[in-house]
Amino acid sequence: MSEQDHLNDDAEQLKALGYASNFDRSMSFWENFSLGFTYLSPVVGVYSVFAMALRAGGAPMFWNYLFVGFGQLLVCLVFGEIVSQYPIAGGLYPWSLRLVGRRWAWMAAWIYGWALFTTVAAVAVGGAPFLGQLLGLEIGAGASTLIAIGMIAATTLLNVSGTRLLARVALFGFVCELIGAILVGGYLLLWARRQPLSILFDTSSFGQGVSYLPALLASSVAAMFCYYGFEACGDLAEETPNAGTAIPKSMRMTIYIGGGAATFVCLALLLALPDLGAAVSGADKDPVATTLQSAMGMTGFRLVIAVVMVSFISCLLSLQAAASRLLFSFARDGMIFGSAALKRLSPNTRVPVAALIATGGIPAAIAGLGYWLQDAINTIISSAAIGIYVSFQMVVLGALIARMRGWTPQGKFTLGRWGVAVNAAALTYGIGAVINMLWPRSPQAAWYVNYAMLLTAAVVAGAGGVYMALGKPHHAQG
């Protein structure tokens, strides 16, 4: 089938779903995959949370990358069936709308949207110290906040320039990040290894056997932060030709290649740690920088950090693209205030400019909280992860509800007779992951610290509930 035939089929499928798209359908399969990969960003994910995971679970936290990866693959397979039948911009919102209904879809999109805004802020705040290291500067909380806001502003401007630039930067970021992960990880394993493989099984600092389980679960939140992003491939479904076939495949590849790269980088860093004890105890507050400087010297370290900064920028770009398409899709159906502006595409670049500005301004405000929050990165990451996982499970549960009502996936990608079993397994994993993230682990701390993630989730869901009850946006017609 020719490219024009695919474009015609895409237009007909979208028309049958009730939409006529004005997006530029110019994003190739590899560019769509690159968007998911750079959103997941193994380098950003591992480097941002490596120290936190080590302090929580020691070197055996490595196994979480395999466990979480498998669980998220189940979720990815369910998403693949849904997007293949409903390849609509905005992903989680239009999927939930068609699987369950308007109220369910509105709440899923509300939670997911705030989680995306917070993730953009988390990545920007996490990237600020690396820029300081690249420039050889010691930066405080104020400077870190300004750098984070500057990074968000820069990627907003890039995104406003159009889909073609987004696609090219995503592809460039993917190539740089994958090559960087392979080269740096390979160098650390071959020429800078300091630790034996046995550290991956040494739980003695946290307990033996079953008693280690609480530490393993606590440290798994770091791996959970590294394994979402595949859904972003579906957020740009109206900008990708042959979306019903291409996007399920690009989602799976994001898990395989992105997750594999994250696991490889984590293993390499662990085995190259100069002082494992200092990293686990927290005496070494930045074990990534310590390890890279020890292995490569300052020149090599700064070259690696330059690649890391490319990863942070491309990750931010992809995150904002996904968030803006969600906001656009929400607004196209009249489901949010300011819909008239948010659903409008630029006649020149054919991207939702107002939605992109919103997905830059809101995260910049969240990043600004870093000036007052002493442990901003951990707080912001935790808030982002719980929102993502809750909204994911609303889609997975929605798919199971739809199956019970008689829905049978009719897209070009289906799981066939395995669909119900995979759907149920994905839901079981997801509920367990949400409970794990919400579990209070600091009984000695103030209640608002110990229950910070639960409090954050309750505030977002509660605010959405109030908005839905008073404004009745789910009754609106686009």
Protein backbone atom coordinates (compact mmCIF):
# COMPACT_ATOMS: atom_id res chain seq x y z
CA MET A 1 0.00 0.00 0.00
CA SER A 2 1.37 3.43 -0.95
CA GLU A 3 1.91 6.26 1.52
CA GLN A 4 -1.04 8.15 0.03
CA ASP A 5 -3.27 5.10 0.50
CA HIS A 6 -2.23 4.96 4.18
CA LEU A 7 -3.02 8.66 4.55
CA ASN A 8 -6.43 8.16 2.97
CA ASP A 9 -7.15 5.20 5.27
CA ASP A 10 -6.07 7.27 8.29
CA ALA A 11 -8.39 10.10 7.27
CA GLU A 12 -11.31 7.71 6.76
CA GLN A 13 -10.70 5.97 10.11
CA LEU A 14 -10.57 9.32 11.91
CA LYS A 15 -13.71 10.50 10.12
CA ALA A 16 -15.53 7.34 11.25
CA LEU A 17 -14.52 8.24 14.83
CA GLY A 18 -16.06 11.68 14.44
CA TYR A 19 -13.05 13.88 13.70
CA ALA A 20 -11.41 15.64 10.77
CA SER A 21 -7.77 16.34 11.54
CA ASN A 22 -5.83 19.42 10.47
CA PHE A 23 -2.54 18.17 11.87
CA ASP A 24 0.41 17.65 9.55
CA ARG A 25 0.67 13.85 9.30
CA SER A 26 4.42 13.92 8.65
CA MET A 27 5.91 12.01 11.57
CA SER A 28 7.53 8.77 10.37
CA PHE A 29 7.47 5.51 12.32
CA TRP A 30 11.04 6.02 13.57
CA GLU A 31 10.30 9.59 14.58
CA ASN A 32 7.19 8.48 16.45
CA PHE A 33 9.21 5.80 18.22
CA SER A 34 11.93 8.37 18.99
CA LEU A 35 9.30 10.56 20.63
CA GLY A 36 8.35 7.71 22.98
CA PHE A 37 12.00 6.81 23.59
CA THR A 38 13.08 10.37 24.42
CA TYR A 39 10.02 10.82 26.66
CA LEU A 40 10.91 7.60 28.52
CA SER A 41 14.58 8.70 28.27
CA PRO A 42 16.65 6.01 29.98
CA VAL A 43 19.54 8.40 30.63
CA VAL A 44 17.31 11.06 32.20
CA GLY A 45 15.39 8.48 34.21
CA VAL A 46 18.39 6.60 35.57
CA TYR A 47 20.63 9.61 36.20
CA SER A 48 17.85 11.57 37.95
CA VAL A 49 16.87 8.88 40.46
CA PHE A 50 19.97 6.68 40.76
CA ALA A 51 21.05 8.13 44.13
CA MET A 52 17.52 7.95 45.55
CA ALA A 53 17.12 4.30 44.51
CA LEU A 54 20.50 3.32 45.97
CA ARG A 55 19.69 4.88 49.33
CA ALA A 56 16.31 3.13 49.41
CA GLY A 57 17.37 -0.38 48.38
CA GLY A 58 21.09 -0.68 47.77
CA ALA A 59 22.56 -2.28 44.64
CA PRO A 60 19.84 -5.00 44.38
CA MET A 61 17.44 -2.20 43.40
CA PHE A 62 18.74 -3.07 39.91
CA TRP A 63 16.20 -5.92 39.63
CA ASN A 64 13.35 -3.44 39.73
CA TYR A 65 14.21 -2.42 36.16
CA LEU A 66 13.32 -5.95 35.02
CA PHE A 67 10.22 -6.38 37.21
CA VAL A 68 8.74 -2.97 36.42
CA GLY A 69 9.65 -3.33 32.75
CA PHE A 70 7.64 -6.53 32.46
CA GLY A 71 4.65 -5.01 34.26
CA GLN A 72 4.68 -1.93 32.05
CA LEU A 73 4.97 -4.12 28.94
CA LEU A 74 1.60 -5.63 29.89
CA VAL A 75 0.13 -2.13 30.13
CA CYS A 76 1.76 -1.24 26.80
CA LEU A 77 0.13 -4.23 25.08
CA VAL A 78 -3.32 -3.16 26.31
CA PHE A 79 -2.66 0.41 25.12
CA GLY A 80 -1.56 -0.98 21.74
CA GLU A 81 -4.92 -2.67 21.19
CA ILE A 82 -6.78 0.52 22.11
CA VAL A 83 -4.75 2.99 20.02
CA SER A 84 -4.92 0.67 17.03
CA GLN A 85 -8.71 1.00 17.06
CA TYR A 86 -8.81 4.64 18.25
CA PRO A 87 -5.76 6.45 16.76
CA ILE A 88 -6.83 9.89 18.01
CA ALA A 89 -4.63 12.76 19.26
CA GLY A 90 -4.49 13.00 23.04
CA GLY A 91 -4.20 9.30 23.81
CA LEU A 92 -5.62 8.51 27.24
CA TYR A 93 -8.56 10.93 27.01
CA PRO A 94 -10.15 9.75 23.72
CA TRP A 95 -9.39 6.12 24.60
CA SER A 96 -11.16 6.37 27.97
CA LEU A 97 -14.04 8.26 26.39
CA ARG A 98 -14.78 5.43 23.98
CA LEU A 99 -14.11 2.60 26.41
CA VAL A 100 -16.20 3.86 29.35
CA GLY A 101 -17.73 7.32 29.00
CA ARG A 102 -17.37 11.07 29.44
CA ARG A 103 -17.04 11.29 33.24
CA TRP A 104 -14.40 8.55 33.35
CA ALA A 105 -12.48 10.08 30.45
CA TRP A 106 -12.60 13.56 31.95
CA MET A 107 -11.13 12.42 35.27
CA ALA A 108 -8.49 10.22 33.62
CA ALA A 109 -7.36 13.14 31.45
CA TRP A 110 -7.41 15.59 34.38
CA ILE A 111 -5.14 13.35 36.47
CA TYR A 112 -2.89 12.49 33.52
CA GLY A 113 -2.60 16.12 32.49
CA TRP A 114 -1.42 17.29 35.90
CA ALA A 115 0.96 14.33 36.06
CA LEU A 116 2.45 15.38 32.72
CA PHE A 117 2.83 18.99 33.85
CA THR A 118 4.59 17.75 36.97
CA THR A 119 6.80 15.40 34.96
CA VAL A 120 7.93 18.28 32.74
CA ALA A 121 8.84 20.21 35.90
CA ALA A 122 10.60 17.16 37.40
CA VAL A 123 12.76 16.65 34.32
CA ALA A 124 13.67 20.35 34.14
CA VAL A 125 14.54 20.51 37.86
CA GLY A 126 16.55 17.28 37.50
CA GLY A 127 18.44 18.64 34.51
CA ALA A 128 19.51 21.92 36.11
CA PRO A 129 22.36 20.45 38.24
CA PHE A 130 23.78 18.63 35.18
CA LEU A 131 24.01 21.93 33.30
CA GLY A 132 25.87 23.37 36.28
CA GLN A 133 28.27 20.40 36.19
CA LEU A 134 28.78 20.86 32.45
CA LEU A 135 29.75 24.49 33.01
CA GLY A 136 31.79 23.67 36.11
CA LEU A 137 29.62 25.81 38.36
CA GLU A 138 28.18 25.26 41.82
CA ILE A 139 24.55 26.27 41.64
CA GLY A 140 22.12 26.85 44.48
CA ALA A 141 18.37 26.42 44.71
CA GLY A 142 17.61 29.79 43.12
CA ALA A 143 19.90 29.24 40.14
CA SER A 144 18.61 25.68 39.66
CA THR A 145 15.05 26.99 39.56
CA LEU A 146 15.92 29.65 36.98
CA ILE A 147 17.76 27.09 34.81
CA ALA A 148 14.79 24.71 35.00
CA ILE A 149 12.38 27.46 33.94
CA GLY A 150 14.76 28.50 31.14
CA MET A 151 14.90 24.91 29.83
CA ILE A 152 11.09 24.72 29.78
CA ALA A 153 10.88 28.05 27.94
CA ALA A 154 13.41 26.89 25.33
CA THR A 155 11.61 23.63 24.58
CA THR A 156 8.28 25.44 24.40
CA LEU A 157 9.69 27.68 21.66
CA LEU A 158 11.05 24.65 19.80
CA ASN A 159 7.70 22.86 20.03
CA VAL A 160 5.80 25.86 18.72
CA SER A 161 7.94 25.65 15.56
CA GLY A 162 6.02 22.60 14.32
CA THR A 163 5.83 18.82 14.04
CA ARG A 164 8.76 18.50 11.63
CA LEU A 165 11.20 20.15 14.03
CA LEU A 166 9.81 18.11 16.93
CA ALA A 167 10.26 14.90 14.94
CA ARG A 168 13.83 15.73 13.91
CA VAL A 169 14.91 16.74 17.41
CA ALA A 170 13.30 13.59 18.86
CA LEU A 171 15.17 11.43 16.33
CA PHE A 172 18.44 13.28 17.00
CA GLY A 173 17.89 12.89 20.75
CA PHE A 174 17.21 9.17 20.35
CA VAL A 175 20.41 8.60 18.35
CA CYS A 176 22.53 10.64 20.78
CA GLU A 177 21.04 9.02 23.86
CA LEU A 178 21.25 5.44 22.61
CA ILE A 179 24.83 5.82 21.37
CA GLY A 180 25.75 7.61 24.58
CA ALA A 181 24.17 4.89 26.74
CA ILE A 182 25.98 2.13 24.84
CA LEU A 183 29.36 3.88 24.79
CA VAL A 184 29.31 5.11 28.40
CA GLY A 185 27.85 1.88 29.77
CA GLY A 186 30.27 -0.21 27.73
CA TYR A 187 33.26 1.87 28.86
CA LEU A 188 32.28 1.63 32.52
CA LEU A 189 31.80 -2.15 32.32
CA LEU A 190 34.98 -2.87 30.35
CA TRP A 191 37.52 -0.40 31.77
CA ALA A 192 36.14 1.18 34.94
CA ARG A 193 34.49 -1.67 36.80
CA ARG A 194 35.08 -1.52 40.56
CA GLN A 195 32.40 -3.82 42.01
CA PRO A 196 31.66 -7.55 41.62
CA LEU A 197 28.36 -8.83 40.23
CA SER A 198 27.61 -10.20 43.69
CA ILE A 199 26.58 -6.69 44.87
CA LEU A 200 23.37 -7.15 42.87
CA PHE A 201 22.38 -9.88 45.33
CA ASP A 202 23.85 -8.41 48.53
CA THR A 203 20.92 -7.20 50.63
CA SER A 204 22.76 -7.36 53.96
CA SER A 205 22.44 -3.62 54.63
CA PHE A 206 18.65 -3.81 54.39
CA GLY A 207 17.74 -7.32 55.54
CA GLN A 208 17.92 -10.89 54.29
CA GLY A 209 15.32 -12.82 52.30
CA VAL A 210 11.75 -11.66 52.79
CA SER A 211 12.87 -8.90 55.16
CA TYR A 212 14.53 -7.15 52.18
CA LEU A 213 11.19 -6.86 50.36
CA PRO A 214 10.20 -3.48 51.89
CA ALA A 215 13.49 -1.93 50.71
CA LEU A 216 13.09 -3.46 47.23
CA LEU A 217 9.56 -2.06 46.96
CA ALA A 218 10.66 1.37 48.22
CA SER A 219 13.46 1.56 45.65
CA SER A 220 11.16 0.40 42.82
CA VAL A 221 9.63 3.88 42.57
CA ALA A 222 12.82 4.93 40.75
CA ALA A 223 12.36 2.26 38.07
CA MET A 224 8.69 3.22 37.77
CA PHE A 225 9.79 6.75 36.86
CA CYS A 226 11.81 5.28 33.96
CA TYR A 227 9.07 3.18 32.38
CA TYR A 228 6.41 5.49 31.10
CA GLY A 229 6.60 7.43 27.87
CA PHE A 230 5.42 4.76 25.46
CA GLU A 231 1.92 6.25 25.62
CA ALA A 232 3.28 9.48 24.08
CA CYS A 233 3.51 7.66 20.74
CA GLY A 234 -0.30 7.54 20.79
CA ASP A 235 -0.68 11.17 21.81
CA LEU A 236 0.55 12.17 18.33
CA ALA A 237 -1.55 9.59 16.47
CA GLU A 238 -3.00 12.19 14.11
CA GLU A 239 0.50 13.22 13.04
CA THR A 240 1.72 9.69 12.20
CA PRO A 241 0.83 7.82 8.97
CA ASN A 242 -0.64 4.30 9.27
CA ALA A 243 -1.15 4.99 12.96
CA GLY A 244 -3.19 1.84 13.70
CA THR A 245 -0.21 -0.35 12.83
CA ALA A 246 2.78 1.92 13.47
CA ILE A 247 1.94 3.19 16.95
CA PRO A 248 1.40 -0.17 18.75
CA LYS A 249 4.77 -1.24 17.33
CA SER A 250 6.55 1.97 18.35
CA MET A 251 5.06 1.64 21.86
CA ARG A 252 6.49 -1.87 22.26
CA MET A 253 9.86 -0.82 20.87
CA THR A 254 9.97 2.02 23.41
CA ILE A 255 9.70 -0.55 26.20
CA TYR A 256 12.19 -2.97 24.64
CA ILE A 257 14.89 -0.50 23.61
CA GLY A 258 14.32 2.26 26.17
CA GLY A 259 13.91 -0.18 29.05
CA GLY A 260 16.91 -2.21 27.89
CA ALA A 261 19.06 0.92 27.72
CA ALA A 262 17.95 2.03 31.21
CA THR A 263 18.76 -1.39 32.65
CA PHE A 264 22.18 -1.42 30.95
CA VAL A 265 23.09 2.09 32.17
CA CYS A 266 21.99 1.28 35.72
CA LEU A 267 24.07 -1.93 35.75
CA ALA A 268 27.15 -0.12 34.42
CA LEU A 269 26.90 2.64 37.03
CA LEU A 270 26.44 0.15 39.86
CA LEU A 271 29.47 -1.93 38.91
CA ALA A 272 31.65 1.16 38.44
CA LEU A 273 30.82 2.81 41.79
CA PRO A 274 34.08 3.80 43.53
CA ASP A 275 32.50 3.60 47.00
CA LEU A 276 29.27 1.61 47.20
CA GLY A 277 28.92 2.16 50.95
CA ALA A 278 29.08 5.95 50.63
CA ALA A 279 26.48 5.90 47.85
CA VAL A 280 24.08 3.70 49.84
CA SER A 281 24.48 5.67 53.07
CA GLY A 282 23.99 9.00 51.34
CA ALA A 283 27.47 10.26 52.24
CA ASP A 284 28.07 10.52 48.48
CA LYS A 285 25.16 12.71 47.48
CA ASP A 286 25.80 12.42 43.72
CA PRO A 287 27.16 8.94 42.95
CA VAL A 288 26.57 9.38 39.21
CA ALA A 289 28.95 12.35 39.03
CA THR A 290 31.43 10.64 41.35
CA THR A 291 31.46 7.49 39.22
CA LEU A 292 31.80 9.25 35.88
CA GLN A 293 34.52 11.61 37.10
CA SER A 294 36.47 8.75 38.64
CA ALA A 295 36.23 6.65 35.47
CA MET A 296 36.70 9.31 32.79
CA GLY A 297 38.27 12.35 34.37
CA MET A 298 36.78 15.83 34.09
CA THR A 299 37.04 16.05 30.29
CA GLY A 300 35.30 12.72 29.73
CA PHE A 301 32.76 13.57 32.42
CA ARG A 302 31.80 16.82 30.70
CA LEU A 303 31.45 15.07 27.34
CA VAL A 304 29.03 12.62 28.95
CA ILE A 305 27.14 15.46 30.62
CA ALA A 306 26.82 17.19 27.22
CA VAL A 307 25.04 14.06 25.91
CA VAL A 308 22.96 13.98 29.09
CA MET A 309 21.83 17.56 28.47
CA VAL A 310 20.76 16.63 24.92
CA SER A 311 18.71 13.85 26.52
CA PHE A 312 17.09 16.24 28.98
CA ILE A 313 16.17 18.73 26.26
CA SER A 314 14.73 16.08 23.91
CA CYS A 315 12.87 14.51 26.84
CA LEU A 316 11.30 17.86 27.74
CA LEU A 317 10.39 18.45 24.10
CA SER A 318 8.62 15.09 23.85
CA LEU A 319 6.85 15.52 27.17
CA GLN A 320 5.47 18.90 26.20
CA ALA A 321 4.35 17.58 22.81
CA ALA A 322 2.41 14.79 24.51
CA ALA A 323 0.89 17.10 27.12
CA SER A 324 -0.16 19.68 24.52
CA ARG A 325 -1.92 17.07 22.37
CA LEU A 326 -3.78 15.83 25.43
CA LEU A 327 -4.87 19.40 26.20
CA PHE A 328 -5.82 19.94 22.54
CA SER A 329 -7.90 16.75 22.48
CA PHE A 330 -9.59 17.73 25.75
CA ALA A 331 -10.39 21.18 24.34
CA ARG A 332 -11.59 19.87 20.97
CA ASP A 333 -14.48 18.22 22.82
CA GLY A 334 -15.08 21.36 24.93
CA MET A 335 -14.00 19.59 28.11
CA ILE A 336 -11.83 22.32 29.67
CA PHE A 337 -11.99 26.08 30.21
CA GLY A 338 -10.33 28.04 27.43
CA SER A 339 -11.25 25.34 24.90
CA ALA A 340 -11.74 27.84 22.05
CA ALA A 341 -8.06 28.84 22.22
CA LEU A 342 -6.59 25.51 23.29
CA LYS A 343 -8.10 23.57 20.37
CA ARG A 344 -6.86 26.01 17.73
CA LEU A 345 -4.01 24.93 15.46
CA SER A 346 -1.58 27.44 14.01
CA PRO A 347 -2.27 27.92 10.28
CA ASN A 348 1.47 27.98 9.64
CA THR A 349 2.94 25.26 11.84
CA ARG A 350 -0.29 23.27 12.39
CA VAL A 351 0.40 22.72 16.07
CA PRO A 352 -1.75 23.83 19.07
CA VAL A 353 0.20 26.94 20.09
CA ALA A 354 -2.00 27.95 23.05
CA ALA A 355 -1.91 24.39 24.41
CA LEU A 356 1.89 24.36 24.07
CA ILE A 357 2.18 27.67 25.92
CA ALA A 358 0.02 26.25 28.72
CA THR A 359 2.16 23.11 28.91
CA GLY A 360 5.17 25.37 29.33
CA GLY A 361 3.73 27.89 31.76
CA ILE A 362 2.15 25.47 34.24
CA PRO A 363 5.27 23.26 34.61
CA ALA A 364 7.42 26.40 34.96
CA ALA A 365 5.26 27.45 37.91
CA ILE A 366 5.61 23.96 39.44
CA ALA A 367 9.39 24.05 38.91
CA GLY A 368 9.40 27.38 40.72
CA LEU A 369 8.40 25.52 43.88
CA GLY A 370 11.92 24.09 43.85
CA TYR A 371 13.14 27.34 45.33
CA TRP A 372 11.21 26.63 48.53
CA LEU A 373 11.25 22.81 48.57
CA GLN A 374 14.51 21.50 50.01
CA ASP A 375 14.12 18.10 48.36
CA ALA A 376 12.25 19.27 45.28
CA ILE A 377 13.33 16.63 42.77
CA ASN A 378 12.19 13.67 44.88
CA THR A 379 8.91 15.38 45.77
CA ILE A 380 8.14 16.35 42.18
CA ILE A 381 9.12 12.94 40.77
CA SER A 382 6.90 11.17 43.29
CA SER A 383 3.94 13.42 42.49
CA ALA A 384 4.41 12.87 38.76
CA ALA A 385 4.77 9.09 38.99
CA ILE A 386 1.63 8.51 41.05
CA GLY A 387 -0.52 10.57 38.67
CA ILE A 388 0.80 8.74 35.63
CA TYR A 389 0.19 5.32 37.15
CA VAL A 390 -3.31 6.15 38.39
CA SER A 391 -4.37 7.49 34.98
CA PHE A 392 -2.79 4.49 33.22
CA GLN A 393 -4.81 2.12 35.37
CA MET A 394 -7.99 4.05 34.65
CA VAL A 395 -7.42 3.16 30.98
CA VAL A 396 -6.50 -0.47 31.75
CA LEU A 397 -9.56 -0.85 33.99
CA GLY A 398 -11.65 0.93 31.38
CA ALA A 399 -10.55 -1.61 28.77
CA LEU A 400 -11.52 -4.49 31.08
CA ILE A 401 -14.92 -2.87 31.76
CA ALA A 402 -15.43 -2.44 28.01
CA ARG A 403 -14.57 -6.10 27.39
CA MET A 404 -17.13 -7.15 30.00
CA ARG A 405 -19.70 -5.02 28.12
CA GLY A 406 -18.87 -6.85 24.89
CA TRP A 407 -16.09 -4.74 23.37
CA THR A 408 -13.74 -6.70 21.14
CA PRO A 409 -10.67 -4.84 19.82
CA GLN A 410 -11.06 -4.28 16.07
CA GLY A 411 -7.83 -2.48 15.22
CA LYS A 412 -4.93 -3.75 13.13
CA PHE A 413 -3.15 -4.89 16.31
CA THR A 414 -4.95 -7.18 18.77
CA LEU A 415 -3.94 -9.73 21.40
CA GLY A 416 -6.63 -12.13 20.27
CA ARG A 417 -7.57 -14.78 22.82
CA TRP A 418 -4.85 -13.50 25.18
CA GLY A 419 -6.47 -10.08 25.44
CA VAL A 420 -8.51 -10.60 28.61
CA ALA A 421 -5.68 -12.39 30.45
CA VAL A 422 -3.11 -9.70 29.57
CA ASN A 423 -5.60 -6.95 30.47
CA ALA A 424 -6.29 -8.54 33.88
CA ALA A 425 -2.57 -9.08 34.55
CA ALA A 426 -1.81 -5.45 33.62
CA LEU A 427 -4.50 -4.23 36.01
CA THR A 428 -3.19 -6.44 38.84
CA TYR A 429 0.34 -5.12 38.32
CA GLY A 430 -0.86 -1.52 38.09
CA ILE A 431 -2.93 -1.62 41.27
CA GLY A 432 0.02 -3.14 43.10
CA ALA A 433 2.32 -0.41 41.75
CA VAL A 434 -0.06 2.37 42.87
CA ILE A 435 -0.38 0.87 46.37
CA ASN A 436 3.41 0.55 46.54
CA MET A 437 3.93 4.20 45.63
CA LEU A 438 1.34 5.41 48.11
CA TRP A 439 2.59 3.25 50.98
CA PRO A 440 3.86 5.44 53.90
CA ARG A 441 7.52 4.65 54.63
CA SER A 442 8.61 7.39 57.03
CA PRO A 443 6.66 6.89 60.28
CA GLN A 444 9.03 9.23 62.10
CA ALA A 445 8.31 12.11 59.72
CA ALA A 446 5.45 14.59 59.88
CA TRP A 447 2.19 13.23 58.49
CA TYR A 448 2.21 15.57 55.50
CA VAL A 449 5.66 14.23 54.54
CA ASN A 450 4.83 10.58 55.18
CA TYR A 451 1.62 10.80 53.17
CA ALA A 452 2.84 13.34 50.59
CA MET A 453 2.03 11.18 47.56
CA LEU A 454 -1.42 10.25 48.85
CA LEU A 455 -2.07 13.89 49.72
CA THR A 456 -0.97 15.04 46.26
CA ALA A 457 -3.14 12.44 44.54
CA ALA A 458 -6.13 13.35 46.72
CA VAL A 459 -5.73 17.09 46.03
CA VAL A 460 -5.55 16.58 42.24
CA ALA A 461 -8.47 14.12 42.15
CA GLY A 462 -10.49 16.24 44.62
CA ALA A 463 -9.94 19.44 42.62
CA GLY A 464 -11.00 17.59 39.47
CA GLY A 465 -14.10 16.28 41.22
CA VAL A 466 -15.08 19.78 42.35
CA TYR A 467 -14.48 21.20 38.88
CA MET A 468 -16.54 18.43 37.31
CA ALA A 469 -19.38 18.86 39.82
CA LEU A 470 -19.59 22.66 39.49
CA GLY A 471 -18.59 23.26 35.88
CA LYS A 472 -19.99 20.02 34.42
CA PRO A 473 -17.38 20.04 31.63
CA HIS A 474 -18.27 16.46 30.76
CA HIS A 475 -21.66 17.74 29.56
CA ALA A 476 -20.04 20.09 27.07
CA GLN A 477 -20.09 19.53 23.33
CA GLY A 478 -16.95 20.30 21.31
